[in-house]
C-alpha atoms as a PDB file:
ATOM      1  CA  MET A   1      -0.184   0.004  -0.213  1.00  0.00           C
ATOM      2  CA  SER A   2       2.872   2.415   0.599  1.00  0.00           C
ATOM      3  CA  GLU A   3       4.288   1.993  -2.844  1.00  0.00           C
ATOM      4  CA  VAL A   4       0.824   2.824  -4.087  1.00  0.00           C
ATOM      5  CA  VAL A   5       0.502   5.943  -1.777  1.00  0.00           C
ATOM      6  CA  ARG A   6       4.317   7.073  -3.054  1.00  0.00           C
ATOM      7  CA  SER A   7       3.539   6.232  -6.736  1.00  0.00           C
ATOM      8  CA  PHE A   8       0.773   8.790  -6.653  1.00  0.00           C
ATOM      9  CA  SER A   9       2.553  11.165  -4.843  1.00  0.00           C
ATOM     10  CA  VAL A  10       5.217  11.350  -7.377  1.00  0.00           C
ATOM     11  CA  PHE A  11       2.395  11.215 -10.038  1.00  0.00           C
ATOM     12  CA  LEU A  12       0.701  14.560  -8.485  1.00  0.00           C
ATOM     13  CA  GLU A  13       4.162  16.263  -8.147  1.00  0.00           C
ATOM     14  CA  LEU A  14       4.946  15.776 -11.835  1.00  0.00           C
ATOM     15  CA  PHE A  15       1.424  16.602 -12.850  1.00  0.00           C
ATOM     16  CA  ASN A  16       1.302  19.772 -10.670  1.00  0.00           C
ATOM     17  CA  ASN A  17       4.958  20.605 -11.774  1.00  0.00           C
ATOM     18  CA  PRO A  18       5.842  19.591 -15.171  1.00  0.00           C
ATOM     19  CA  GLY A  19       9.220  21.476 -15.576  1.00  0.00           C
ATOM     20  CA  ASP A  20      10.658  22.763 -19.036  1.00  0.00           C
ATOM     21  CA  ALA A  21       9.701  21.106 -21.961  1.00  0.00           C
ATOM     22  CA  ARG A  22      11.934  21.081 -24.950  1.00  0.00           C
ATOM     23  CA  HIS A  23      10.851  19.992 -28.608  1.00  0.00           C
ATOM     24  CA  THR A  24      12.516  19.801 -32.016  1.00  0.00           C
ATOM     25  CA  GLU A  25       8.785  19.819 -33.730  1.00  0.00           C
ATOM     26  CA  LEU A  26       5.326  20.651 -32.230  1.00  0.00           C
ATOM     27  CA  THR A  27       2.184  20.764 -34.468  1.00  0.00           C
ATOM     28  CA  LEU A  28      -0.644  22.744 -32.972  1.00  0.00           C
ATOM     29  CA  THR A  29      -3.971  22.125 -34.534  1.00  0.00           C
ATOM     30  CA  ASN A  30      -7.745  23.868 -34.053  1.00  0.00           C
ATOM     31  CA  LEU A  31      -6.122  26.907 -32.352  1.00  0.00           C
ATOM     32  CA  PRO A  32      -8.887  29.371 -31.560  1.00  0.00           C
ATOM     33  CA  GLN A  33      -8.850  32.501 -33.514  1.00  0.00           C
ATOM     34  CA  ASN A  34      -9.111  34.713 -30.852  1.00  0.00           C
ATOM     35  CA  ASP A  35      -8.544  34.916 -26.724  1.00  0.00           C
ATOM     36  CA  TYR A  36     -12.356  34.902 -25.955  1.00  0.00           C
ATOM     37  CA  ASN A  37     -12.712  32.539 -22.953  1.00  0.00           C
ATOM     38  CA  LEU A  38      -9.514  31.440 -22.786  1.00  0.00           C
ATOM     39  CA  GLU A  39      -7.181  31.255 -19.689  1.00  0.00           C
ATOM     40  CA  VAL A  40      -4.132  33.372 -19.344  1.00  0.00           C
ATOM     41  CA  GLY A  41      -1.043  31.639 -20.781  1.00  0.00           C
ATOM     42  CA  ALA A  42      -3.581  29.629 -23.322  1.00  0.00           C
ATOM     43  CA  LEU A  43      -2.197  29.741 -27.193  1.00  0.00           C
ATOM     44  CA  PHE A  44      -4.222  31.061 -30.108  1.00  0.00           C
ATOM     45  CA  GLN A  45      -3.770  32.320 -33.489  1.00  0.00           C
ATOM     46  CA  GLN A  46      -5.006  35.398 -34.664  1.00  0.00           C
ATOM     47  CA  ASP A  47      -3.964  36.520 -38.763  1.00  0.00           C
ATOM     48  CA  GLY A  48      -1.469  33.691 -38.673  1.00  0.00           C
ATOM     49  CA  ASN A  49       0.187  34.949 -36.059  1.00  0.00           C
ATOM     50  CA  LEU A  50       0.808  32.553 -32.824  1.00  0.00           C
ATOM     51  CA  LYS A  51      -0.125  34.382 -29.439  1.00  0.00           C
ATOM     52  CA  ILE A  52      -0.293  33.654 -25.953  1.00  0.00           C
ATOM     53  CA  VAL A  53      -3.285  35.046 -23.549  1.00  0.00           C
ATOM     54  CA  ILE A  54      -1.756  37.635 -21.216  1.00  0.00           C
ATOM     55  CA  ALA A  55      -3.905  39.175 -18.435  1.00  0.00           C
ATOM     56  CA  ASN A  56      -5.384  42.861 -19.383  1.00  0.00           C
ATOM     57  CA  LYS A  57      -3.996  42.616 -23.022  1.00  0.00           C
ATOM     58  CA  PRO A  58      -7.009  41.871 -24.791  1.00  0.00           C
ATOM     59  CA  HIS A  59      -7.147  40.703 -28.445  1.00  0.00           C
ATOM     60  CA  PRO A  60     -10.511  41.516 -30.135  1.00  0.00           C
ATOM     61  CA  ALA A  61     -11.894  39.412 -32.889  1.00  0.00           C
ATOM     62  CA  GLY A  62     -12.577  42.622 -35.062  1.00  0.00           C
ATOM     63  CA  LEU A  63     -12.686  46.101 -34.876  1.00  0.00           C
ATOM     64  CA  ALA A  64     -15.473  48.626 -35.853  1.00  0.00           C
ATOM     65  CA  GLY A  65     -16.210  52.112 -35.565  1.00  0.00           C
ATOM     66  CA  THR A  66     -18.699  54.699 -36.578  1.00  0.00           C
ATOM     67  CA  GLY A  67     -19.085  58.396 -36.325  1.00  0.00           C
ATOM     68  CA  ALA A  68     -20.619  61.705 -37.154  1.00  0.00           C
ATOM     69  CA  VAL A  69     -19.613  65.416 -37.758  1.00  0.00           C
ATOM     70  CA  GLY A  70     -21.919  68.024 -38.363  1.00  0.00           C
ATOM     71  CA  SER A  71     -24.952  67.806 -41.291  1.00  0.00           C
ATOM     72  CA  VAL A  72     -25.162  68.173 -44.598  1.00  0.00           C
ATOM     73  CA  THR A  73     -28.033  69.990 -46.163  1.00  0.00           C
ATOM     74  CA  VAL A  74     -28.842  68.841 -50.193  1.00  0.00           C
ATOM     75  CA  SER A  75     -30.761  71.066 -52.230  1.00  0.00           C
ATOM     76  CA  THR A  76     -32.060  70.523 -55.426  1.00  0.00           C
ATOM     77  CA  PRO A  77     -33.566  72.930 -58.180  1.00  0.00           C
END
């Protein structure tokens, strides 16, 4: 029984502290297009660029704006 407890303890330690990773190749598929509902540190791609979610740094899916200045009167003869 103590061996099972020790093995589980080692598993939890590795799971909670995965450590550094080093890769020569990495393929990420089905990445989200924006950071909506993603946790801090999650990856997403926007316009072909790989990005990381950072707290208080939003990446909106799109930008749009409207405005008005003054008025115009059109007279016809």
